[in-house]
Amino acid sequence: MSPPGGVQVYDESMWNPVTWDAAVTNPRLTYTASKTLAEKAAWDFVKSEYPRFDLVSLNPPLVFGPIAHHLSSLDHLNTSNQRILALAQGAFRDSALPPTGIYLWVDVRDVALAHVRAMETPSAGGERFLLVGGHFSNKLLADTIAETHPGFASKLPTNAVDDTPAEVYGYDGEKTAKTLGINFRSFRDCVGATIDSLQKAGA
């Protein structure tokens, strides 16, 4: 379902409406507020100080994908990938899946490419970009792990329920595709590569 406010389709023109006061008084908002307030501060700096560089903002939702080679321990795994690891390790084999929460994802390799394209593309300067690979749910994630790595099937839930709302919010990635030329990877490619990397790290 769409979050409060009735947003149906997200694009780069939209901002998290959270305020400083709300973030200070509600710890659950602190993390997301930090992203919004930091970005606004960056745009304010460019507007007021006229630096000899331009600014580009890249805004991804949940970031999945192969883990960094230098990761010393799976205990240091990024929060988004932790749900893939938990599923693969059987954390929800005999219990209900947790709520998906955010239904949009992107592959970390596409996020990295977007950073490069943003530096290489003059018309990207001064712009915000939404980086989205597509919709997903925790059930789709479990099903995709079973598809790409059948050896994990015994650790995955067998009667999982897909909690994707019928009227889940959409997104508009036209600007990113046109300006940065990003062709986002498929969910299957992303999940498969992530599991491969987790296996190499000892999962």
C-alpha atoms as a PDB file:
ATOM      1  CA  MET A   1       0.000   0.000   0.000  1.00  0.00           C
ATOM      2  CA  SER A   2       1.077   3.575  -0.456  1.00  0.00           C
ATOM      3  CA  PRO A   3       2.531   5.270   2.624  1.00  0.00           C
ATOM      4  CA  PRO A   4       0.707   8.086   4.421  1.00  0.00           C
ATOM      5  CA  GLY A   5       0.056  10.945   2.055  1.00  0.00           C
ATOM      6  CA  GLY A   6      -1.332   8.808  -0.746  1.00  0.00           C
ATOM      7  CA  VAL A   7       1.763   8.756  -2.964  1.00  0.00           C
ATOM      8  CA  GLN A   8       1.078   6.490  -5.934  1.00  0.00           C
ATOM      9  CA  VAL A   9       4.231   6.933  -8.014  1.00  0.00           C
ATOM     10  CA  TYR A  10       7.602   8.067  -6.688  1.00  0.00           C
ATOM     11  CA  ASP A  11      10.092  10.123  -8.686  1.00  0.00           C
ATOM     12  CA  GLU A  12      13.065  12.401  -8.056  1.00  0.00           C
ATOM     13  CA  SER A  13      10.941  15.434  -7.295  1.00  0.00           C
ATOM     14  CA  MET A  14       9.735  13.946  -4.012  1.00  0.00           C
ATOM     15  CA  TRP A  15      11.301  14.288  -0.586  1.00  0.00           C
ATOM     16  CA  ASN A  16      10.802  12.545   2.709  1.00  0.00           C
ATOM     17  CA  PRO A  17       8.657  15.061   4.647  1.00  0.00           C
ATOM     18  CA  VAL A  18      10.345  14.241   7.965  1.00  0.00           C
ATOM     19  CA  THR A  19      11.489  17.203  10.057  1.00  0.00           C
ATOM     20  CA  TRP A  20      14.399  17.690  12.449  1.00  0.00           C
ATOM     21  CA  ASP A  21      12.042  17.900  15.421  1.00  0.00           C
ATOM     22  CA  ALA A  22      10.269  14.698  14.440  1.00  0.00           C
ATOM     23  CA  ALA A  23      13.577  12.858  14.096  1.00  0.00           C
ATOM     24  CA  VAL A  24      14.819  14.068  17.467  1.00  0.00           C
ATOM     25  CA  THR A  25      11.678  12.983  19.279  1.00  0.00           C
ATOM     26  CA  ASN A  26      11.136   9.685  17.444  1.00  0.00           C
ATOM     27  CA  PRO A  27      14.202   7.393  17.233  1.00  0.00           C
ATOM     28  CA  ARG A  28      12.481   5.286  14.566  1.00  0.00           C
ATOM     29  CA  LEU A  29      12.756   8.245  12.185  1.00  0.00           C
ATOM     30  CA  THR A  30      16.367   9.128  12.917  1.00  0.00           C
ATOM     31  CA  TYR A  31      18.024   7.016  10.217  1.00  0.00           C
ATOM     32  CA  THR A  32      15.790   8.064   7.325  1.00  0.00           C
ATOM     33  CA  ALA A  33      15.778  11.658   8.540  1.00  0.00           C
ATOM     34  CA  SER A  34      19.566  11.716   8.537  1.00  0.00           C
ATOM     35  CA  LYS A  35      19.581  10.942   4.816  1.00  0.00           C
ATOM     36  CA  THR A  36      17.045  13.625   3.988  1.00  0.00           C
ATOM     37  CA  LEU A  37      18.572  16.332   6.163  1.00  0.00           C
ATOM     38  CA  ALA A  38      22.106  15.581   4.956  1.00  0.00           C
ATOM     39  CA  GLU A  39      21.060  15.836   1.326  1.00  0.00           C
ATOM     40  CA  LYS A  40      19.186  19.085   1.913  1.00  0.00           C
ATOM     41  CA  ALA A  41      22.265  20.485   3.653  1.00  0.00           C
ATOM     42  CA  ALA A  42      24.378  19.551   0.630  1.00  0.00           C
ATOM     43  CA  TRP A  43      22.009  21.318  -1.771  1.00  0.00           C
ATOM     44  CA  ASP A  44      21.884  24.352   0.517  1.00  0.00           C
ATOM     45  CA  PHE A  45      25.697  24.467   0.558  1.00  0.00           C
ATOM     46  CA  VAL A  46      25.917  24.429  -3.237  1.00  0.00           C
ATOM     47  CA  LYS A  47      23.244  27.123  -3.484  1.00  0.00           C
ATOM     48  CA  SER A  48      24.859  29.453  -0.974  1.00  0.00           C
ATOM     49  CA  GLU A  49      28.584  28.852  -1.450  1.00  0.00           C
ATOM     50  CA  TYR A  50      28.869  28.416  -5.246  1.00  0.00           C
ATOM     51  CA  PRO A  51      31.628  25.771  -5.076  1.00  0.00           C
ATOM     52  CA  ARG A  52      33.691  24.881  -8.141  1.00  0.00           C
ATOM     53  CA  PHE A  53      31.899  21.582  -8.493  1.00  0.00           C
ATOM     54  CA  ASP A  54      28.342  20.475  -9.061  1.00  0.00           C
ATOM     55  CA  LEU A  55      26.254  18.090  -7.007  1.00  0.00           C
ATOM     56  CA  VAL A  56      24.402  14.929  -8.007  1.00  0.00           C
ATOM     57  CA  SER A  57      22.122  13.024  -5.634  1.00  0.00           C
ATOM     58  CA  LEU A  58      21.495   9.298  -6.088  1.00  0.00           C
ATOM     59  CA  ASN A  59      18.560   7.909  -4.120  1.00  0.00           C
ATOM     60  CA  PRO A  60      18.221   4.118  -3.847  1.00  0.00           C
ATOM     61  CA  PRO A  61      15.682   2.108  -1.820  1.00  0.00           C
ATOM     62  CA  LEU A  62      16.847  -1.237  -0.313  1.00  0.00           C
ATOM     63  CA  VAL A  63      20.250  -2.149  -1.754  1.00  0.00           C
ATOM     64  CA  PHE A  64      20.902  -5.834  -2.396  1.00  0.00           C
ATOM     65  CA  GLY A  65      23.797  -7.466  -4.226  1.00  0.00           C
ATOM     66  CA  PRO A  66      27.174  -9.208  -3.947  1.00  0.00           C
ATOM     67  CA  ILE A  67      29.017  -8.323  -0.779  1.00  0.00           C
ATOM     68  CA  ALA A  68      32.317  -6.455  -0.712  1.00  0.00           C
ATOM     69  CA  HIS A  69      35.382  -8.667  -0.988  1.00  0.00           C
ATOM     70  CA  HIS A  70      37.016  -7.004   2.013  1.00  0.00           C
ATOM     71  CA  LEU A  71      34.140  -7.803   4.382  1.00  0.00           C
ATOM     72  CA  SER A  72      35.855  -9.386   7.368  1.00  0.00           C
ATOM     73  CA  SER A  73      32.766 -11.042   8.815  1.00  0.00           C
ATOM     74  CA  LEU A  74      29.135 -11.634   7.914  1.00  0.00           C
ATOM     75  CA  ASP A  75      28.392  -9.866  11.202  1.00  0.00           C
ATOM     76  CA  HIS A  76      29.224  -6.666   9.314  1.00  0.00           C
ATOM     77  CA  LEU A  77      26.811  -7.341   6.466  1.00  0.00           C
ATOM     78  CA  ASN A  78      24.721  -4.384   5.353  1.00  0.00           C
ATOM     79  CA  THR A  79      21.166  -4.289   6.685  1.00  0.00           C
ATOM     80  CA  SER A  80      19.425  -4.969   3.362  1.00  0.00           C
ATOM     81  CA  ASN A  81      21.481  -8.076   2.596  1.00  0.00           C
ATOM     82  CA  GLN A  82      20.873  -9.379   6.118  1.00  0.00           C
ATOM     83  CA  ARG A  83      17.373 -10.445   5.100  1.00  0.00           C
ATOM     84  CA  ILE A  84      18.814 -12.548   2.251  1.00  0.00           C
ATOM     85  CA  LEU A  85      21.299 -14.169   4.640  1.00  0.00           C
ATOM     86  CA  ALA A  86      18.579 -14.822   7.225  1.00  0.00           C
ATOM     87  CA  LEU A  87      16.402 -16.590   4.666  1.00  0.00           C
ATOM     88  CA  ALA A  88      19.305 -18.658   3.349  1.00  0.00           C
ATOM     89  CA  GLN A  89      20.249 -19.717   6.881  1.00  0.00           C
ATOM     90  CA  GLY A  90      16.722 -20.908   7.679  1.00  0.00           C
ATOM     91  CA  ALA A  91      15.678 -18.150  10.055  1.00  0.00           C
ATOM     92  CA  PHE A  92      12.087 -18.268   8.750  1.00  0.00           C
ATOM     93  CA  ARG A  93      11.808 -21.896   7.709  1.00  0.00           C
ATOM     94  CA  ASP A  94       9.247 -22.675  10.394  1.00  0.00           C
ATOM     95  CA  SER A  95       7.784 -19.240  10.984  1.00  0.00           C
ATOM     96  CA  ALA A  96       5.979 -16.498   9.120  1.00  0.00           C
ATOM     97  CA  LEU A  97       8.012 -14.130   7.037  1.00  0.00           C
ATOM     98  CA  PRO A  98       8.415 -10.662   8.524  1.00  0.00           C
ATOM     99  CA  PRO A  99       6.680  -7.788   6.729  1.00  0.00           C
ATOM    100  CA  THR A 100       8.534  -6.708   3.607  1.00  0.00           C
ATOM    101  CA  GLY A 101       8.138  -3.071   4.612  1.00  0.00           C
ATOM    102  CA  ILE A 102       9.735  -1.415   1.594  1.00  0.00           C
ATOM    103  CA  TYR A 103       8.792  -2.968  -1.731  1.00  0.00           C
ATOM    104  CA  LEU A 104      11.501  -1.407  -3.909  1.00  0.00           C
ATOM    105  CA  TRP A 105      15.064  -2.619  -4.390  1.00  0.00           C
ATOM    106  CA  VAL A 106      18.200  -1.989  -6.455  1.00  0.00           C
ATOM    107  CA  ASP A 107      21.405  -3.935  -7.103  1.00  0.00           C
ATOM    108  CA  VAL A 108      24.535  -2.475  -5.501  1.00  0.00           C
ATOM    109  CA  ARG A 109      26.405  -2.913  -8.805  1.00  0.00           C
ATOM    110  CA  ASP A 110      23.895  -0.638 -10.511  1.00  0.00           C
ATOM    111  CA  VAL A 111      24.286   1.895  -7.713  1.00  0.00           C
ATOM    112  CA  ALA A 112      28.050   1.826  -8.252  1.00  0.00           C
ATOM    113  CA  LEU A 113      27.600   2.270 -12.006  1.00  0.00           C
ATOM    114  CA  ALA A 114      25.259   5.194 -11.389  1.00  0.00           C
ATOM    115  CA  HIS A 115      28.009   6.932  -9.396  1.00  0.00           C
ATOM    116  CA  VAL A 116      30.403   6.556 -12.320  1.00  0.00           C
ATOM    117  CA  ARG A 117      27.842   7.704 -14.890  1.00  0.00           C
ATOM    118  CA  ALA A 118      26.956  10.693 -12.709  1.00  0.00           C
ATOM    119  CA  MET A 119      30.600  11.804 -12.770  1.00  0.00           C
ATOM    120  CA  GLU A 120      30.983  11.177 -16.483  1.00  0.00           C
ATOM    121  CA  THR A 121      27.727  12.816 -17.646  1.00  0.00           C
ATOM    122  CA  PRO A 122      27.742  16.633 -17.651  1.00  0.00           C
ATOM    123  CA  SER A 123      23.942  16.849 -17.838  1.00  0.00           C
ATOM    124  CA  ALA A 124      23.680  14.923 -14.559  1.00  0.00           C
ATOM    125  CA  GLY A 125      25.126  17.858 -12.630  1.00  0.00           C
ATOM    126  CA  GLY A 126      22.669  19.523 -10.291  1.00  0.00           C
ATOM    127  CA  GLU A 127      20.164  16.696 -10.562  1.00  0.00           C
ATOM    128  CA  ARG A 128      18.589  14.055  -8.309  1.00  0.00           C
ATOM    129  CA  PHE A 129      18.098  10.480  -9.543  1.00  0.00           C
ATOM    130  CA  LEU A 130      15.932   7.649  -8.284  1.00  0.00           C
ATOM    131  CA  LEU A 131      17.720   4.275  -8.497  1.00  0.00           C
ATOM    132  CA  VAL A 132      15.189   1.425  -8.534  1.00  0.00           C
ATOM    133  CA  GLY A 133      15.557  -2.070  -9.971  1.00  0.00           C
ATOM    134  CA  GLY A 134      11.935  -2.999  -9.360  1.00  0.00           C
ATOM    135  CA  HIS A 135       9.390  -4.271  -6.863  1.00  0.00           C
ATOM    136  CA  PHE A 136       9.930  -7.258  -4.581  1.00  0.00           C
ATOM    137  CA  SER A 137       8.552  -8.950  -1.480  1.00  0.00           C
ATOM    138  CA  ASN A 138      10.096 -11.266   1.065  1.00  0.00           C
ATOM    139  CA  LYS A 139       8.166 -14.142  -0.495  1.00  0.00           C
ATOM    140  CA  LEU A 140       9.559 -13.342  -3.923  1.00  0.00           C
ATOM    141  CA  LEU A 141      12.992 -13.206  -2.315  1.00  0.00           C
ATOM    142  CA  ALA A 142      12.563 -16.672  -0.805  1.00  0.00           C
ATOM    143  CA  ASP A 143      11.198 -18.066  -4.078  1.00  0.00           C
ATOM    144  CA  THR A 144      14.104 -16.574  -6.015  1.00  0.00           C
ATOM    145  CA  ILE A 145      16.682 -18.084  -3.674  1.00  0.00           C
ATOM    146  CA  ALA A 146      15.044 -21.481  -4.205  1.00  0.00           C
ATOM    147  CA  GLU A 147      15.167 -20.929  -7.968  1.00  0.00           C
ATOM    148  CA  THR A 148      18.790 -19.810  -8.215  1.00  0.00           C
ATOM    149  CA  HIS A 149      20.149 -22.068  -5.477  1.00  0.00           C
ATOM    150  CA  PRO A 150      17.954 -25.178  -5.021  1.00  0.00           C
ATOM    151  CA  GLY A 151      20.340 -26.455  -2.366  1.00  0.00           C
ATOM    152  CA  PHE A 152      18.866 -23.921   0.046  1.00  0.00           C
ATOM    153  CA  ALA A 153      15.271 -25.094  -0.501  1.00  0.00           C
ATOM    154  CA  SER A 154      15.141 -27.047   2.758  1.00  0.00           C
ATOM    155  CA  LYS A 155      15.946 -23.885   4.710  1.00  0.00           C
ATOM    156  CA  LEU A 156      13.268 -21.743   3.090  1.00  0.00           C
ATOM    157  CA  PRO A 157       9.624 -21.312   4.154  1.00  0.00           C
ATOM    158  CA  THR A 158       7.227 -23.537   2.249  1.00  0.00           C
ATOM    159  CA  ASN A 159       3.956 -21.713   2.915  1.00  0.00           C
ATOM    160  CA  ALA A 160       5.068 -18.122   2.738  1.00  0.00           C
ATOM    161  CA  VAL A 161       2.489 -15.443   2.069  1.00  0.00           C
ATOM    162  CA  ASP A 162       3.167 -12.614  -0.349  1.00  0.00           C
ATOM    163  CA  ASP A 163       2.358  -9.349   1.437  1.00  0.00           C
ATOM    164  CA  THR A 164       2.630  -7.110  -1.632  1.00  0.00           C
ATOM    165  CA  PRO A 165      -0.435  -4.839  -1.572  1.00  0.00           C
ATOM    166  CA  ALA A 166      -2.679  -4.845  -4.630  1.00  0.00           C
ATOM    167  CA  GLU A 167      -2.176  -1.089  -4.868  1.00  0.00           C
ATOM    168  CA  VAL A 168       1.511  -0.945  -4.053  1.00  0.00           C
ATOM    169  CA  TYR A 169       3.143   2.371  -4.922  1.00  0.00           C
ATOM    170  CA  GLY A 170       4.969   2.693  -8.228  1.00  0.00           C
ATOM    171  CA  TYR A 171       8.095   4.523  -9.347  1.00  0.00           C
ATOM    172  CA  ASP A 172       9.256   6.493 -12.371  1.00  0.00           C
ATOM    173  CA  GLY A 173      12.805   5.672 -13.456  1.00  0.00           C
ATOM    174  CA  GLU A 174      12.683   7.393 -16.846  1.00  0.00           C
ATOM    175  CA  LYS A 175      15.048  10.192 -15.863  1.00  0.00           C
ATOM    176  CA  THR A 176      17.695   7.761 -14.605  1.00  0.00           C
ATOM    177  CA  ALA A 177      17.450   5.596 -17.708  1.00  0.00           C
ATOM    178  CA  LYS A 178      17.590   8.575 -20.082  1.00  0.00           C
ATOM    179  CA  THR A 179      20.328  10.603 -18.411  1.00  0.00           C
ATOM    180  CA  LEU A 180      22.553   7.950 -16.850  1.00  0.00           C
ATOM    181  CA  GLY A 181      21.780   5.137 -19.288  1.00  0.00           C
ATOM    182  CA  ILE A 182      21.290   2.552 -16.556  1.00  0.00           C
ATOM    183  CA  ASN A 183      19.680  -0.759 -17.510  1.00  0.00           C
ATOM    184  CA  PHE A 184      18.974  -2.247 -14.120  1.00  0.00           C
ATOM    185  CA  ARG A 185      19.791  -5.875 -13.389  1.00  0.00           C
ATOM    186  CA  SER A 186      17.026  -8.402 -12.841  1.00  0.00           C
ATOM    187  CA  PHE A 187      16.014  -9.519  -9.364  1.00  0.00           C
ATOM    188  CA  ARG A 188      17.057 -13.077 -10.218  1.00  0.00           C
ATOM    189  CA  ASP A 189      20.534 -11.932 -11.246  1.00  0.00           C
ATOM    190  CA  CYS A 190      20.862  -9.837  -8.101  1.00  0.00           C
ATOM    191  CA  VAL A 191      19.723 -12.523  -5.662  1.00  0.00           C
ATOM    192  CA  GLY A 192      21.751 -15.258  -7.336  1.00  0.00           C
ATOM    193  CA  ALA A 193      24.942 -13.196  -7.259  1.00  0.00           C
ATOM    194  CA  THR A 194      24.306 -12.224  -3.650  1.00  0.00           C
ATOM    195  CA  ILE A 195      23.923 -15.833  -2.529  1.00  0.00           C
ATOM    196  CA  ASP A 196      27.076 -16.769  -4.453  1.00  0.00           C
ATOM    197  CA  SER A 197      29.018 -14.086  -2.608  1.00  0.00           C
ATOM    198  CA  LEU A 198      27.580 -15.083   0.766  1.00  0.00           C
ATOM    199  CA  GLN A 199      28.605 -18.681   0.166  1.00  0.00           C
ATOM    200  CA  LYS A 200      32.153 -17.582  -0.610  1.00  0.00           C
ATOM    201  CA  ALA A 201      32.138 -15.635   2.664  1.00  0.00           C
ATOM    202  CA  GLY A 202      31.152 -18.747   4.631  1.00  0.00           C
ATOM    203  CA  ALA A 203      27.362 -18.572   4.769  1.00  0.00           C
END
